[in-house]
């Protein structure tokens, strides 16, 4: 088997041809790897990525190893220059610093948000996803209580840990 680090990972904006591949990554990670009791039908955003994410200041990206989807990340426009980060998943054998997939996905999402004038990113996750929580914290996310979320935040029934990341505003250059 060829080593993964020898292959190039590309991050591209979502296209409907990736719909099934994203579902095939997300659902096993949620259900099998982490034992989260959630189905495809419990996640309208997963069933209709273009319709749910690619609206307003929202977007969705996939990480491709050659032509195979190995990761995903999306932001849903919540209004008031805020987004909800959702569906951030990386296939288990592609995680870690070797390929840097999660870091690259997060960087692309944050860069997109800054370019769109987004001030804050919110997210929800589950308690058992401890590595994800550490990753979010390393990337500037601060944990908050559920009652501190904006009312427009799309809460998923299984989420029980919530985070916010303030995006740095571009510095004003004085002439």
Protein backbone atom coordinates (compact mmCIF):
# COMPACT_ATOMS: atom_id res chain seq x y z
CA UNK A 1 0.00 0.00 0.00
CA UNK A 2 1.35 3.43 -0.96
CA UNK A 3 1.89 5.80 1.94
CA UNK A 4 -0.81 8.44 2.30
CA UNK A 5 1.63 11.32 2.81
CA UNK A 6 3.00 10.75 -0.70
CA UNK A 7 -0.36 11.66 -2.20
CA UNK A 8 -1.74 15.18 -2.59
CA UNK A 9 -4.87 16.25 -0.73
CA UNK A 10 -7.00 18.88 -2.42
CA UNK A 11 -9.78 20.86 -0.77
CA UNK A 12 -12.59 21.86 -3.12
CA UNK A 13 -16.00 23.45 -2.81
CA UNK A 14 -18.83 20.97 -2.60
CA UNK A 15 -20.51 19.75 -5.75
CA UNK A 16 -23.58 17.49 -5.75
CA UNK A 17 -21.52 14.61 -7.15
CA UNK A 18 -19.90 14.36 -3.67
CA UNK A 19 -23.23 14.05 -1.77
CA UNK A 20 -23.18 10.26 -1.33
CA UNK A 21 -19.45 10.16 -0.56
CA UNK A 22 -19.85 12.73 2.24
CA UNK A 23 -22.68 10.70 3.76
CA UNK A 24 -20.52 7.56 3.57
CA UNK A 25 -17.83 9.30 5.62
CA UNK A 26 -19.99 11.16 8.15
CA UNK A 27 -22.47 8.46 9.15
CA UNK A 28 -19.96 5.70 10.07
CA UNK A 29 -17.85 8.15 12.06
CA UNK A 30 -20.91 9.32 14.00
CA UNK A 31 -22.64 5.96 14.44
CA UNK A 32 -19.88 3.34 14.55
CA UNK A 33 -16.70 5.10 15.63
CA UNK A 34 -18.32 7.32 18.28
CA UNK A 35 -21.63 5.55 18.95
CA UNK A 36 -23.71 8.68 18.43
CA UNK A 37 -27.38 7.71 18.11
CA UNK A 38 -28.16 9.75 15.00
CA UNK A 39 -29.43 8.74 11.58
CA UNK A 40 -29.20 10.27 8.14
CA UNK A 41 -32.84 11.33 8.47
CA UNK A 42 -32.03 13.17 11.73
CA UNK A 43 -29.71 15.45 9.75
CA UNK A 44 -31.47 17.44 7.02
CA UNK A 45 -28.20 19.31 6.42
CA UNK A 46 -26.46 16.04 5.56
CA UNK A 47 -29.23 14.92 3.23
CA UNK A 48 -29.20 18.19 1.24
CA UNK A 49 -25.77 19.77 1.50
CA UNK A 50 -26.21 22.25 -1.36
CA UNK A 51 -29.62 23.36 -0.13
CA UNK A 52 -28.60 23.68 3.51
CA UNK A 53 -25.03 25.02 3.37
CA UNK A 54 -24.58 26.92 0.12
CA UNK A 55 -26.96 29.72 1.00
CA UNK A 56 -26.12 33.31 1.98
CA UNK A 57 -22.69 33.36 3.60
CA UNK A 58 -22.61 29.57 3.99
CA UNK A 59 -20.47 27.08 2.10
CA UNK A 60 -19.24 23.49 2.19
CA UNK A 61 -15.93 21.89 1.22
CA UNK A 62 -14.61 18.38 0.77
CA UNK A 63 -11.07 17.09 1.11
CA UNK A 64 -10.05 14.81 -1.74
CA UNK A 65 -7.23 12.30 -1.71
CA UNK A 66 -6.81 11.82 -5.44
CA UNK A 67 -10.54 11.66 -6.35
CA UNK A 68 -11.81 10.12 -3.11
CA UNK A 69 -13.61 12.19 -0.46
CA UNK A 70 -11.74 11.86 2.84
CA UNK A 71 -13.08 14.84 4.78
CA UNK A 72 -15.65 17.59 4.95
CA UNK A 73 -16.49 20.89 6.61
CA UNK A 74 -19.33 23.35 6.21
CA UNK A 75 -20.60 26.64 7.54
CA UNK A 76 -24.28 27.56 7.71
CA UNK A 77 -25.21 31.24 7.58
CA UNK A 78 -27.04 32.14 10.79
CA UNK A 79 -27.44 35.85 9.99
CA UNK A 80 -25.91 38.69 12.02
CA UNK A 81 -22.47 37.90 10.54
CA UNK A 82 -22.30 34.53 12.32
CA UNK A 83 -22.13 30.97 11.05
CA UNK A 84 -22.52 27.48 12.46
CA UNK A 85 -19.63 25.14 11.66
CA UNK A 86 -21.03 21.71 10.86
CA UNK A 87 -20.09 18.35 9.38
CA UNK A 88 -16.38 18.59 10.08
CA UNK A 89 -15.21 15.02 9.63
CA UNK A 90 -12.02 13.35 8.43
CA UNK A 91 -11.77 9.67 7.60
CA UNK A 92 -9.93 7.87 10.42
CA UNK A 93 -6.98 6.67 8.33
CA UNK A 94 -6.41 10.21 7.03
CA UNK A 95 -6.31 12.04 10.38
CA UNK A 96 -3.24 13.51 11.99
CA UNK A 97 -0.46 15.88 11.09
CA UNK A 98 0.92 13.81 8.20
CA UNK A 99 -1.75 15.01 5.80
CA UNK A 100 -3.03 17.92 7.92
CA UNK A 101 -6.53 17.52 6.50
CA UNK A 102 -8.45 18.87 9.52
CA UNK A 103 -6.19 21.91 9.83
CA UNK A 104 -6.50 22.69 6.15
CA UNK A 105 -10.29 22.32 6.23
CA UNK A 106 -10.51 24.64 9.25
CA UNK A 107 -8.20 27.19 7.62
CA UNK A 108 -10.29 27.27 4.44
CA UNK A 109 -13.52 27.67 6.40
CA UNK A 110 -12.09 30.48 8.55
CA UNK A 111 -10.61 32.26 5.53
CA UNK A 112 -14.00 32.03 3.77
CA UNK A 113 -15.74 33.43 6.83
CA UNK A 114 -13.33 36.35 7.11
CA UNK A 115 -13.79 37.16 3.43
CA UNK A 116 -17.58 37.13 3.96
CA UNK A 117 -17.39 39.51 6.94
CA UNK A 118 -18.30 36.83 9.48
CA UNK A 119 -17.43 37.79 13.06
CA UNK A 120 -18.11 34.53 14.90
CA UNK A 121 -18.27 30.80 14.26
CA UNK A 122 -20.36 28.58 16.55
CA UNK A 123 -20.40 24.80 16.69
CA UNK A 124 -21.92 21.90 18.55
CA UNK A 125 -20.37 18.50 19.17
CA UNK A 126 -20.79 15.51 21.45
CA UNK A 127 -18.95 14.78 24.69
CA UNK A 128 -17.41 11.57 23.32
CA UNK A 129 -15.60 13.42 20.53
CA UNK A 130 -12.78 14.55 22.81
CA UNK A 131 -10.10 14.75 20.10
CA UNK A 132 -12.36 17.06 18.10
CA UNK A 133 -12.86 19.26 21.16
CA UNK A 134 -9.09 19.55 21.66
CA UNK A 135 -8.71 20.40 17.97
CA UNK A 136 -11.37 23.13 18.19
CA UNK A 137 -9.77 24.60 21.32
CA UNK A 138 -6.35 24.66 19.62
CA UNK A 139 -8.02 26.55 16.77
CA UNK A 140 -9.36 29.36 18.93
CA UNK A 141 -12.76 27.98 19.93
CA UNK A 142 -13.95 28.65 23.48
CA UNK A 143 -16.52 26.40 25.12
CA UNK A 144 -19.84 27.97 26.06
CA UNK A 145 -23.12 26.87 27.58
CA UNK A 146 -26.05 25.93 25.38
CA UNK A 147 -28.01 28.92 26.69
CA UNK A 148 -25.24 31.23 25.42
CA UNK A 149 -25.80 30.21 21.79
CA UNK A 150 -27.59 32.60 19.45
CA UNK A 151 -31.23 31.65 18.95
CA UNK A 152 -30.49 31.12 15.25
CA UNK A 153 -27.97 28.33 15.99
CA UNK A 154 -29.15 25.05 14.40
CA UNK A 155 -28.93 22.69 17.38
CA UNK A 156 -28.66 18.97 16.65
CA UNK A 157 -30.39 16.80 19.27
CA UNK A 158 -27.23 14.81 20.12
CA UNK A 159 -24.97 17.84 20.62
CA UNK A 160 -24.07 18.57 24.23
CA UNK A 161 -20.84 20.61 23.93
CA UNK A 162 -20.83 24.02 22.29
CA UNK A 163 -18.10 26.39 21.16
CA UNK A 164 -17.59 29.88 19.75
CA UNK A 165 -14.66 31.33 17.83
CA UNK A 166 -14.30 35.07 17.37
CA UNK A 167 -12.72 35.89 14.06
CA UNK A 168 -10.06 38.55 13.98
CA UNK A 169 -11.15 41.60 12.12
CA UNK A 170 -8.73 42.83 9.45
CA UNK A 171 -6.52 45.61 10.67
CA UNK A 172 -7.25 49.03 9.25
CA UNK A 173 -4.32 50.50 7.36
CA UNK A 174 -3.94 54.22 7.89
CA UNK A 175 -2.83 56.17 4.84
